[in-house]
Structure formats: C-alpha cells, structure tokens
Amino acid sequence: MKAFHENRTYHSTFPFTVIMSNDIDFLAHWHNDLEIVYVFEGSIRMGINSETRILKAGDMAICSSGDIHYYDSKDSSSKIMMVIFNPSLIGFPGGWPLNVRLTSPFMEKRIATREEEVRINNRLSLILQELMDEYNQKLEYHEQVIIGLLHEWSGLILRHVPLDKINPQKDKRRITNMKIMQGVLEYLDVNYMHPITLADAARQANMSLFYFSRFFKSLSGMSYIAYLSNIRVNQAEQLLLTTDKSILDIALECGFTNIRTFNRVFKQIKQRTPSELR
C-alpha cells in the first residue's frame, strides 16, 4: 500500500471492508475513508495526528477523513479489527464528520458508571461485530444492512462522544500542519528512490531543520530517516518477492547507495536479510 495518501480499492463496487490483523505495523498514511479500529486481544501502539496511545483489549480508535495515522507493534502483540469504508455510504462524500471533529480519536475501555453509558458502549461494540458478520456472511441485502449499521454507529458517536466545533480561524494552524504533513508524505513516496535528505524534506515543508524533525516525528511516530528507510525497505521487499531482479539492482532502485547498507537496514527492519527472504 502507499505510504502517504492511500486511495483504497475494494473487492467490489461497495466501498466497505473489514480486516482482521495480528501484530500490524503500518507507516503513517491518510485517506478520505473512515477507519474504525477495535482491539480484541493484546495491545498496540497507534498514532492519530499528534496523539499516541497504547490501545488494549476493548479499546477503540476512530480515524476520521484525512487523519494521519500509523500502527506500531514492535514491542507488543495484538489482534485487531479494522472497519474501513467510504463516508459516502453515510451521506458524507466530502469526509466525516462535517463541521466538527472528535475531541479525541481514542475511546479507551473503562468502567462505566451510568447505565446509559454502559448501554452505548455495548451497542457500539456490538455494531462492529454485526458489521463483521454481515461482511463475512454476505447474506441477501447485506449491503443495505451494513449501511444501516454504519448510520447507527455514526449517529451514536456524534451524539455521545465529545466533539469540538470547527472554527476555521482557530483551527487554521492544525489544518495547515495536516496539509503540510500530507504533502511531505506524498513527496517521500514519490521520491524515495532519490537521495533525499532531511534538509530536502524540511524545505518541502518550508520549516527549519530542528522544527521539522520534531514535527515529523510527532505525526509519524518515527524519525524522518527511519520513515524513509521503511518506505525503501517495503518497496524492496515487494520487488524481491515479485521480480527476478538482482538484489543489487533492487537496492539501487529503492534509493540505497550500496549493498552493504541495504542489507543492514533491511535486516534491521524485517529481521532477516534480503537473500533469506528470497
């Protein structure tokens, strides 16, 4: 998948999917589609925009349209469900939510004190289970049922989860920073095969080296060098698995200047050498 702006493709014309994943690692990226994350087992580190949490069993996260988010399972093990869909299914083709944003994208499981709160929490969890069942079973009219469940989920979130009204003036800096980061991620994905430095990326963002370095890590969860290395290694992995190109040619094609550095960085990220993979 693209590391920056992910234009999702679905297995059918119905823009909805449910993915079960174990120990997922995924670089910072963004898309217009909504992404609901529910942790079944274990724990996982997840970042959404400038917030980071260690999510545990029963916790949920909501990636609204345009949110930059990543998954990090380096020091943990988890089983999670991701419900991903185009917001046009619930009447928001331009992105959800409209004119408001969630005060926090993370909904951590806690002991509810009010009966109404318990009911809402249980219903939100049950909706996710029902969405997975409908997606997997594909019974007659399942698409209509899925749309109905998504509308209910959206309504319950907007009614019961703390929201902030978007003030275009007050929110200007946050929106600007998001657009800058989206542009940087796109720049890296297009140019990873070239010798692009931290200074190059900082110029792209129109920031000083010091400020850009902190800014980038706060949104991606890793340093600029680590992020660029991951893009290059992920691309190299695909070429190793799907082509007959030599390891040296793949290394050079993916932006590494020599085979020694390529082998070292590849093993550091993938826990095995390129030759072991092939």
C-alpha atoms as a PDB file:
ATOM      1  CA  MET A   1       0.000   0.000   0.000  1.00  0.00           C
ATOM      2  CA  LYS A   2       1.047   3.587  -0.475  1.00  0.00           C
ATOM      3  CA  ALA A   3       2.750   5.135   2.491  1.00  0.00           C
ATOM      4  CA  PHE A   4       1.176   8.557   2.067  1.00  0.00           C
ATOM      5  CA  HIS A   5      -2.283   9.103   0.579  1.00  0.00           C
ATOM      6  CA  GLU A   6      -3.893   5.712   0.332  1.00  0.00           C
ATOM      7  CA  ASN A   7      -6.545   5.590  -2.382  1.00  0.00           C
ATOM      8  CA  ARG A   8      -8.335   2.500  -1.183  1.00  0.00           C
ATOM      9  CA  THR A   9      -9.525  -0.152  -3.580  1.00  0.00           C
ATOM     10  CA  TYR A  10     -12.278  -2.558  -2.588  1.00  0.00           C
ATOM     11  CA  HIS A  11     -13.042  -6.061  -3.818  1.00  0.00           C
ATOM     12  CA  SER A  12     -16.404  -4.890  -5.142  1.00  0.00           C
ATOM     13  CA  THR A  13     -18.207  -1.675  -6.068  1.00  0.00           C
ATOM     14  CA  PHE A  14     -19.421  -1.466  -2.462  1.00  0.00           C
ATOM     15  CA  PRO A  15     -16.786   0.672  -0.643  1.00  0.00           C
ATOM     16  CA  PHE A  16     -16.660  -1.231   2.623  1.00  0.00           C
ATOM     17  CA  THR A  17     -14.303  -3.800   4.106  1.00  0.00           C
ATOM     18  CA  VAL A  18     -13.479  -5.494   7.395  1.00  0.00           C
ATOM     19  CA  ILE A  19      -9.907  -6.618   8.066  1.00  0.00           C
ATOM     20  CA  MET A  20      -8.684  -8.788  10.924  1.00  0.00           C
ATOM     21  CA  SER A  21      -4.996  -8.276  11.631  1.00  0.00           C
ATOM     22  CA  ASN A  22      -2.391  -9.638  14.029  1.00  0.00           C
ATOM     23  CA  ASP A  23       0.591  -7.539  15.120  1.00  0.00           C
ATOM     24  CA  ILE A  24       0.175  -4.947  12.377  1.00  0.00           C
ATOM     25  CA  ASP A  25       2.895  -2.421  11.565  1.00  0.00           C
ATOM     26  CA  PHE A  26       1.917   0.306   9.130  1.00  0.00           C
ATOM     27  CA  LEU A  27       3.618   3.596   8.321  1.00  0.00           C
ATOM     28  CA  ALA A  28       1.881   6.937   8.765  1.00  0.00           C
ATOM     29  CA  HIS A  29      -0.651   7.472   5.983  1.00  0.00           C
ATOM     30  CA  TRP A  30      -4.025   9.094   5.384  1.00  0.00           C
ATOM     31  CA  HIS A  31      -7.158   8.656   3.307  1.00  0.00           C
ATOM     32  CA  ASN A  32     -10.654  10.055   2.940  1.00  0.00           C
ATOM     33  CA  ASP A  33     -12.208   6.773   4.070  1.00  0.00           C
ATOM     34  CA  LEU A  34     -13.134   6.216   7.705  1.00  0.00           C
ATOM     35  CA  GLU A  35     -11.199   3.624   9.679  1.00  0.00           C
ATOM     36  CA  ILE A  36     -12.581   2.181  12.920  1.00  0.00           C
ATOM     37  CA  VAL A  37     -10.177   0.113  14.991  1.00  0.00           C
ATOM     38  CA  TYR A  38     -11.222  -2.305  17.722  1.00  0.00           C
ATOM     39  CA  VAL A  39      -8.696  -4.256  19.795  1.00  0.00           C
ATOM     40  CA  PHE A  40      -9.708  -7.853  20.547  1.00  0.00           C
ATOM     41  CA  GLU A  41      -6.541  -9.083  22.239  1.00  0.00           C
ATOM     42  CA  GLY A  42      -3.206  -7.760  23.473  1.00  0.00           C
ATOM     43  CA  SER A  43      -2.048  -4.190  22.925  1.00  0.00           C
ATOM     44  CA  ILE A  44      -0.848  -1.988  20.079  1.00  0.00           C
ATOM     45  CA  ARG A  45       0.665   1.466  19.792  1.00  0.00           C
ATOM     46  CA  MET A  46      -1.313   3.703  17.483  1.00  0.00           C
ATOM     47  CA  GLY A  47      -0.888   7.326  16.470  1.00  0.00           C
ATOM     48  CA  ILE A  48      -3.584   9.566  15.027  1.00  0.00           C
ATOM     49  CA  ASN A  49      -2.468  13.057  14.045  1.00  0.00           C
ATOM     50  CA  SER A  50      -0.408  14.257  17.026  1.00  0.00           C
ATOM     51  CA  GLU A  51      -1.919  11.872  19.617  1.00  0.00           C
ATOM     52  CA  THR A  52      -0.455   8.483  20.518  1.00  0.00           C
ATOM     53  CA  ARG A  53      -1.952   5.724  22.658  1.00  0.00           C
ATOM     54  CA  ILE A  54      -1.237   2.172  23.700  1.00  0.00           C
ATOM     55  CA  LEU A  55      -4.579   0.537  22.883  1.00  0.00           C
ATOM     56  CA  LYS A  56      -5.601  -2.567  24.832  1.00  0.00           C
ATOM     57  CA  ALA A  57      -8.370  -5.153  24.537  1.00  0.00           C
ATOM     58  CA  GLY A  58     -11.744  -3.414  24.375  1.00  0.00           C
ATOM     59  CA  ASP A  59     -10.321  -0.053  23.256  1.00  0.00           C
ATOM     60  CA  MET A  60     -11.460   1.609  20.029  1.00  0.00           C
ATOM     61  CA  ALA A  61      -9.957   4.277  17.764  1.00  0.00           C
ATOM     62  CA  ILE A  62     -11.607   6.325  15.033  1.00  0.00           C
ATOM     63  CA  CYS A  63      -9.635   7.688  12.090  1.00  0.00           C
ATOM     64  CA  SER A  64     -11.784  10.418  10.570  1.00  0.00           C
ATOM     65  CA  SER A  65     -11.366  11.539   6.971  1.00  0.00           C
ATOM     66  CA  GLY A  66      -7.881  12.954   6.400  1.00  0.00           C
ATOM     67  CA  ASP A  67      -6.431  11.864   9.744  1.00  0.00           C
ATOM     68  CA  ILE A  68      -2.769  10.835   9.557  1.00  0.00           C
ATOM     69  CA  HIS A  69      -2.420   7.544  11.407  1.00  0.00           C
ATOM     70  CA  TYR A  70       0.014   4.679  11.933  1.00  0.00           C
ATOM     71  CA  TYR A  71       0.290   1.305  13.690  1.00  0.00           C
ATOM     72  CA  ASP A  72       3.325   0.118  15.669  1.00  0.00           C
ATOM     73  CA  SER A  73       3.555  -3.455  17.038  1.00  0.00           C
ATOM     74  CA  LYS A  74       7.304  -3.630  17.619  1.00  0.00           C
ATOM     75  CA  ASP A  75       7.099  -4.239  21.365  1.00  0.00           C
ATOM     76  CA  SER A  76       3.666  -5.831  21.641  1.00  0.00           C
ATOM     77  CA  SER A  77       1.282  -8.426  20.260  1.00  0.00           C
ATOM     78  CA  SER A  78      -2.328  -7.826  19.294  1.00  0.00           C
ATOM     79  CA  LYS A  79      -5.372  -8.940  17.364  1.00  0.00           C
ATOM     80  CA  ILE A  80      -7.421  -6.072  15.973  1.00  0.00           C
ATOM     81  CA  MET A  81     -10.362  -5.475  13.666  1.00  0.00           C
ATOM     82  CA  MET A  82     -10.375  -2.611  11.171  1.00  0.00           C
ATOM     83  CA  VAL A  83     -13.655  -1.471   9.644  1.00  0.00           C
ATOM     84  CA  ILE A  84     -12.897   0.759   6.650  1.00  0.00           C
ATOM     85  CA  PHE A  85     -15.488   2.445   4.444  1.00  0.00           C
ATOM     86  CA  ASN A  86     -16.092   5.432   2.217  1.00  0.00           C
ATOM     87  CA  PRO A  87     -18.066   8.142   4.066  1.00  0.00           C
ATOM     88  CA  SER A  88     -20.376   8.482   1.055  1.00  0.00           C
ATOM     89  CA  LEU A  89     -22.137   5.381   2.421  1.00  0.00           C
ATOM     90  CA  ILE A  90     -23.463   7.505   5.291  1.00  0.00           C
ATOM     91  CA  GLY A  91     -24.050  10.672   3.260  1.00  0.00           C
ATOM     92  CA  PHE A  92     -20.703  12.456   3.717  1.00  0.00           C
ATOM     93  CA  PRO A  93     -18.846  12.133   0.375  1.00  0.00           C
ATOM     94  CA  GLY A  94     -16.561  15.021   1.287  1.00  0.00           C
ATOM     95  CA  GLY A  95     -15.466  13.437   4.559  1.00  0.00           C
ATOM     96  CA  TRP A  96     -16.815  12.594   8.029  1.00  0.00           C
ATOM     97  CA  PRO A  97     -17.544  14.251  10.396  1.00  0.00           C
ATOM     98  CA  LEU A  98     -18.781  17.544   8.946  1.00  0.00           C
ATOM     99  CA  ASN A  99     -18.064  20.882  10.678  1.00  0.00           C
ATOM    100  CA  VAL A 100     -16.979  19.137  13.901  1.00  0.00           C
ATOM    101  CA  ARG A 101     -14.128  16.901  14.995  1.00  0.00           C
ATOM    102  CA  LEU A 102     -13.770  14.332  17.741  1.00  0.00           C
ATOM    103  CA  THR A 103     -12.183  15.819  20.858  1.00  0.00           C
ATOM    104  CA  SER A 104     -10.055  12.657  20.923  1.00  0.00           C
ATOM    105  CA  PRO A 105      -9.957   9.860  18.328  1.00  0.00           C
ATOM    106  CA  PHE A 106      -9.351   7.263  21.046  1.00  0.00           C
ATOM    107  CA  MET A 107     -12.093   5.570  23.058  1.00  0.00           C
ATOM    108  CA  GLU A 108     -10.416   3.623  25.829  1.00  0.00           C
ATOM    109  CA  LYS A 109     -12.365   0.923  27.639  1.00  0.00           C
ATOM    110  CA  ARG A 110     -13.218   1.977  31.149  1.00  0.00           C
ATOM    111  CA  ILE A 111     -15.653   1.023  33.847  1.00  0.00           C
ATOM    112  CA  ALA A 112     -18.861   2.878  33.034  1.00  0.00           C
ATOM    113  CA  THR A 113     -20.675   4.441  35.959  1.00  0.00           C
ATOM    114  CA  ARG A 114     -24.016   5.185  34.341  1.00  0.00           C
ATOM    115  CA  GLU A 115     -26.472   2.682  32.866  1.00  0.00           C
ATOM    116  CA  GLU A 116     -26.821   4.766  29.696  1.00  0.00           C
ATOM    117  CA  GLU A 117     -23.055   4.829  29.203  1.00  0.00           C
ATOM    118  CA  VAL A 118     -22.855   1.053  29.580  1.00  0.00           C
ATOM    119  CA  ARG A 119     -25.623   0.632  27.025  1.00  0.00           C
ATOM    120  CA  ILE A 120     -23.928   2.892  24.472  1.00  0.00           C
ATOM    121  CA  ASN A 121     -20.529   1.257  24.896  1.00  0.00           C
ATOM    122  CA  ASN A 122     -22.039  -2.214  24.486  1.00  0.00           C
ATOM    123  CA  ARG A 123     -24.032  -1.159  21.440  1.00  0.00           C
ATOM    124  CA  LEU A 124     -21.002   0.379  19.696  1.00  0.00           C
ATOM    125  CA  SER A 125     -19.035  -2.842  20.225  1.00  0.00           C
ATOM    126  CA  LEU A 126     -21.957  -4.949  19.042  1.00  0.00           C
ATOM    127  CA  ILE A 127     -22.366  -2.872  15.873  1.00  0.00           C
ATOM    128  CA  LEU A 128     -18.757  -3.623  14.935  1.00  0.00           C
ATOM    129  CA  GLN A 129     -19.364  -7.344  15.466  1.00  0.00           C
ATOM    130  CA  GLU A 130     -22.551  -7.191  13.362  1.00  0.00           C
ATOM    131  CA  LEU A 131     -20.708  -5.340  10.598  1.00  0.00           C
ATOM    132  CA  MET A 132     -18.068  -8.083  10.516  1.00  0.00           C
ATOM    133  CA  ASP A 133     -20.731 -10.806  10.430  1.00  0.00           C
ATOM    134  CA  GLU A 134     -22.624  -9.134   7.586  1.00  0.00           C
ATOM    135  CA  TYR A 135     -19.418  -8.619   5.619  1.00  0.00           C
ATOM    136  CA  ASN A 136     -18.285 -12.225   6.037  1.00  0.00           C
ATOM    137  CA  GLN A 137     -21.639 -13.955   5.547  1.00  0.00           C
ATOM    138  CA  LYS A 138     -22.874 -11.765   2.673  1.00  0.00           C
ATOM    139  CA  LEU A 139     -26.497 -12.753   3.114  1.00  0.00           C
ATOM    140  CA  GLU A 140     -29.217 -11.281   0.915  1.00  0.00           C
ATOM    141  CA  TYR A 141     -29.411  -7.471   1.222  1.00  0.00           C
ATOM    142  CA  HIS A 142     -26.291  -7.400   3.384  1.00  0.00           C
ATOM    143  CA  GLU A 143     -25.179  -4.100   1.826  1.00  0.00           C
ATOM    144  CA  GLN A 144     -28.363  -2.368   2.967  1.00  0.00           C
ATOM    145  CA  VAL A 145     -27.958  -3.798   6.453  1.00  0.00           C
ATOM    146  CA  ILE A 146     -24.333  -2.615   6.570  1.00  0.00           C
ATOM    147  CA  ILE A 147     -25.334   0.917   5.548  1.00  0.00           C
ATOM    148  CA  GLY A 148     -27.989   0.944   8.270  1.00  0.00           C
ATOM    149  CA  LEU A 149     -25.483  -0.186  10.903  1.00  0.00           C
ATOM    150  CA  LEU A 150     -22.979   2.458   9.789  1.00  0.00           C
ATOM    151  CA  HIS A 151     -25.630   5.172  10.093  1.00  0.00           C
ATOM    152  CA  GLU A 152     -26.428   3.977  13.610  1.00  0.00           C
ATOM    153  CA  TRP A 153     -22.752   3.881  14.566  1.00  0.00           C
ATOM    154  CA  SER A 154     -22.194   7.392  13.191  1.00  0.00           C
ATOM    155  CA  GLY A 155     -25.238   8.773  14.987  1.00  0.00           C
ATOM    156  CA  LEU A 156     -24.256   7.253  18.336  1.00  0.00           C
ATOM    157  CA  ILE A 157     -20.699   8.594  18.041  1.00  0.00           C
ATOM    158  CA  LEU A 158     -21.857  12.129  17.176  1.00  0.00           C
ATOM    159  CA  ARG A 159     -24.459  12.081  19.956  1.00  0.00           C
ATOM    160  CA  HIS A 160     -22.402  10.605  22.787  1.00  0.00           C
ATOM    161  CA  VAL A 161     -18.695  11.261  22.094  1.00  0.00           C
ATOM    162  CA  PRO A 162     -17.215  14.690  22.987  1.00  0.00           C
ATOM    163  CA  LEU A 163     -16.937  16.913  19.908  1.00  0.00           C
ATOM    164  CA  ASP A 164     -15.253  20.203  19.115  1.00  0.00           C
ATOM    165  CA  LYS A 165     -16.876  22.634  16.720  1.00  0.00           C
ATOM    166  CA  ILE A 166     -14.514  23.591  13.935  1.00  0.00           C
ATOM    167  CA  ASN A 167     -13.702  27.284  13.958  1.00  0.00           C
ATOM    168  CA  PRO A 168     -11.926  27.954  10.643  1.00  0.00           C
ATOM    169  CA  GLN A 169      -9.791  30.697  12.206  1.00  0.00           C
ATOM    170  CA  LYS A 170      -8.859  28.909  15.439  1.00  0.00           C
ATOM    171  CA  ASP A 171      -8.368  25.594  13.645  1.00  0.00           C
ATOM    172  CA  LYS A 172      -6.280  27.115  10.862  1.00  0.00           C
ATOM    173  CA  ARG A 173      -2.897  26.055  12.268  1.00  0.00           C
ATOM    174  CA  ARG A 174      -3.967  22.435  12.830  1.00  0.00           C
ATOM    175  CA  ILE A 175      -5.395  22.185   9.303  1.00  0.00           C
ATOM    176  CA  THR A 176      -2.285  23.803   7.827  1.00  0.00           C
ATOM    177  CA  ASN A 177       0.004  21.380   9.679  1.00  0.00           C
ATOM    178  CA  MET A 178      -2.044  18.407   8.477  1.00  0.00           C
ATOM    179  CA  LYS A 179      -1.809  19.571   4.862  1.00  0.00           C
ATOM    180  CA  ILE A 180       1.932  20.159   5.209  1.00  0.00           C
ATOM    181  CA  MET A 181       2.460  16.643   6.588  1.00  0.00           C
ATOM    182  CA  GLN A 182       0.259  15.098   3.908  1.00  0.00           C
ATOM    183  CA  GLY A 183       2.379  16.886   1.308  1.00  0.00           C
ATOM    184  CA  VAL A 184       5.630  15.669   2.874  1.00  0.00           C
ATOM    185  CA  LEU A 185       4.442  12.044   2.976  1.00  0.00           C
ATOM    186  CA  GLU A 186       3.432  12.284  -0.669  1.00  0.00           C
ATOM    187  CA  TYR A 187       6.807  13.828  -1.539  1.00  0.00           C
ATOM    188  CA  LEU A 188       8.653  10.952   0.151  1.00  0.00           C
ATOM    189  CA  ASP A 189       6.555   8.296  -1.534  1.00  0.00           C
ATOM    190  CA  VAL A 190       7.196   9.783  -4.972  1.00  0.00           C
ATOM    191  CA  ASN A 191      10.905  10.457  -4.442  1.00  0.00           C
ATOM    192  CA  TYR A 192      12.128   7.700  -2.081  1.00  0.00           C
ATOM    193  CA  MET A 193      14.387   6.271  -4.806  1.00  0.00           C
ATOM    194  CA  HIS A 194      16.398   9.513  -4.886  1.00  0.00           C
ATOM    195  CA  PRO A 195      18.951  10.716  -2.277  1.00  0.00           C
ATOM    196  CA  ILE A 196      16.529  12.998  -0.405  1.00  0.00           C
ATOM    197  CA  THR A 197      17.862  14.360   2.870  1.00  0.00           C
ATOM    198  CA  LEU A 198      16.228  15.748   5.978  1.00  0.00           C
ATOM    199  CA  ALA A 199      17.074  19.195   4.642  1.00  0.00           C
ATOM    200  CA  ASP A 200      15.243  18.411   1.383  1.00  0.00           C
ATOM    201  CA  ALA A 201      12.111  17.369   3.258  1.00  0.00           C
ATOM    202  CA  ALA A 202      12.326  20.403   5.571  1.00  0.00           C
ATOM    203  CA  ARG A 203      12.464  22.682   2.527  1.00  0.00           C
ATOM    204  CA  GLN A 204       9.428  20.889   1.128  1.00  0.00           C
ATOM    205  CA  ALA A 205       7.603  21.717   4.371  1.00  0.00           C
ATOM    206  CA  ASN A 206       9.076  25.241   4.497  1.00  0.00           C
ATOM    207  CA  MET A 207      10.373  24.619   8.030  1.00  0.00           C
ATOM    208  CA  SER A 208      13.691  24.789   9.810  1.00  0.00           C
ATOM    209  CA  LEU A 209      15.580  21.515  10.243  1.00  0.00           C
ATOM    210  CA  PHE A 210      15.063  21.476  14.022  1.00  0.00           C
ATOM    211  CA  TYR A 211      11.338  22.241  13.923  1.00  0.00           C
ATOM    212  CA  PHE A 212      10.673  19.884  11.011  1.00  0.00           C
ATOM    213  CA  SER A 213      12.436  16.984  12.714  1.00  0.00           C
ATOM    214  CA  ARG A 214      10.191  17.305  15.796  1.00  0.00           C
ATOM    215  CA  PHE A 215       7.100  17.995  13.699  1.00  0.00           C
ATOM    216  CA  PHE A 216       7.639  14.905  11.543  1.00  0.00           C
ATOM    217  CA  LYS A 217       8.191  12.551  14.473  1.00  0.00           C
ATOM    218  CA  SER A 218       5.128  13.840  16.342  1.00  0.00           C
ATOM    219  CA  LEU A 219       2.871  12.881  13.428  1.00  0.00           C
ATOM    220  CA  SER A 220       4.565   9.762  12.053  1.00  0.00           C
ATOM    221  CA  GLY A 221       5.789   8.160  15.278  1.00  0.00           C
ATOM    222  CA  MET A 222       9.347   7.801  13.999  1.00  0.00           C
ATOM    223  CA  SER A 223      12.256   9.869  12.796  1.00  0.00           C
ATOM    224  CA  TYR A 224      12.497  11.077   9.214  1.00  0.00           C
ATOM    225  CA  ILE A 225      15.383   8.688   8.461  1.00  0.00           C
ATOM    226  CA  ALA A 226      13.529   5.707   9.947  1.00  0.00           C
ATOM    227  CA  TYR A 227      10.384   6.525   7.960  1.00  0.00           C
ATOM    228  CA  LEU A 228      12.270   6.892   4.669  1.00  0.00           C
ATOM    229  CA  SER A 229      14.168   3.652   5.342  1.00  0.00           C
ATOM    230  CA  ASN A 230      10.882   1.832   5.946  1.00  0.00           C
ATOM    231  CA  ILE A 231       9.440   3.076   2.648  1.00  0.00           C
ATOM    232  CA  ARG A 232      12.539   1.910   0.791  1.00  0.00           C
ATOM    233  CA  VAL A 233      12.686  -1.472   2.516  1.00  0.00           C
ATOM    234  CA  ASN A 234       8.963  -2.125   1.999  1.00  0.00           C
ATOM    235  CA  GLN A 235       9.328  -1.383  -1.708  1.00  0.00           C
ATOM    236  CA  ALA A 236      12.417  -3.568  -1.912  1.00  0.00           C
ATOM    237  CA  GLU A 237      10.556  -6.400  -0.195  1.00  0.00           C
ATOM    238  CA  GLN A 238       7.846  -6.284  -2.852  1.00  0.00           C
ATOM    239  CA  LEU A 239      10.426  -6.359  -5.641  1.00  0.00           C
ATOM    240  CA  LEU A 240      12.260  -9.273  -4.023  1.00  0.00           C
ATOM    241  CA  LEU A 241       9.028 -11.258  -3.849  1.00  0.00           C
ATOM    242  CA  THR A 242       7.588 -10.374  -7.256  1.00  0.00           C
ATOM    243  CA  THR A 243      10.544  -9.905  -9.634  1.00  0.00           C
ATOM    244  CA  ASP A 244      13.742 -11.667 -10.691  1.00  0.00           C
ATOM    245  CA  LYS A 245      15.866  -8.523 -10.405  1.00  0.00           C
ATOM    246  CA  SER A 246      19.188  -8.895  -8.644  1.00  0.00           C
ATOM    247  CA  ILE A 247      19.438  -7.809  -5.023  1.00  0.00           C
ATOM    248  CA  LEU A 248      21.942  -5.104  -6.017  1.00  0.00           C
ATOM    249  CA  ASP A 249      19.629  -3.699  -8.695  1.00  0.00           C
ATOM    250  CA  ILE A 250      16.714  -3.665  -6.228  1.00  0.00           C
ATOM    251  CA  ALA A 251      18.826  -1.904  -3.610  1.00  0.00           C
ATOM    252  CA  LEU A 252      19.849   0.830  -6.050  1.00  0.00           C
ATOM    253  CA  GLU A 253      16.331   1.141  -7.451  1.00  0.00           C
ATOM    254  CA  CYS A 254      14.950   1.701  -3.948  1.00  0.00           C
ATOM    255  CA  GLY A 255      17.324   4.503  -3.034  1.00  0.00           C
ATOM    256  CA  PHE A 256      20.201   2.700  -1.318  1.00  0.00           C
ATOM    257  CA  THR A 257      23.694   3.650  -2.441  1.00  0.00           C
ATOM    258  CA  ASN A 258      25.372   0.298  -1.733  1.00  0.00           C
ATOM    259  CA  ILE A 259      24.517  -3.317  -0.972  1.00  0.00           C
ATOM    260  CA  ARG A 260      26.112  -3.282   2.481  1.00  0.00           C
ATOM    261  CA  THR A 261      23.848  -0.506   3.764  1.00  0.00           C
ATOM    262  CA  PHE A 262      20.840  -2.128   2.110  1.00  0.00           C
ATOM    263  CA  ASN A 263      21.470  -5.481   3.815  1.00  0.00           C
ATOM    264  CA  ARG A 264      21.984  -3.839   7.216  1.00  0.00           C
ATOM    265  CA  VAL A 265      18.869  -1.636   7.069  1.00  0.00           C
ATOM    266  CA  PHE A 266      16.725  -4.404   5.567  1.00  0.00           C
ATOM    267  CA  LYS A 267      17.638  -6.842   8.350  1.00  0.00           C
ATOM    268  CA  GLN A 268      17.106  -4.181  10.998  1.00  0.00           C
ATOM    269  CA  ILE A 269      13.530  -3.590   9.795  1.00  0.00           C
ATOM    270  CA  LYS A 270      12.489  -7.047   8.576  1.00  0.00           C
ATOM    271  CA  GLN A 271      14.554  -9.196  10.970  1.00  0.00           C
ATOM    272  CA  ARG A 272      16.099 -11.116   8.071  1.00  0.00           C
ATOM    273  CA  THR A 273      18.375 -10.377   5.121  1.00  0.00           C
ATOM    274  CA  PRO A 274      17.183  -9.834   1.542  1.00  0.00           C
ATOM    275  CA  SER A 275      18.778 -13.132   0.464  1.00  0.00           C
ATOM    276  CA  GLU A 276      16.975 -15.006   3.281  1.00  0.00           C
ATOM    277  CA  LEU A 277      13.674 -13.542   2.136  1.00  0.00           C
ATOM    278  CA  ARG A 278      14.231 -14.624  -1.426  1.00  0.00           C
END
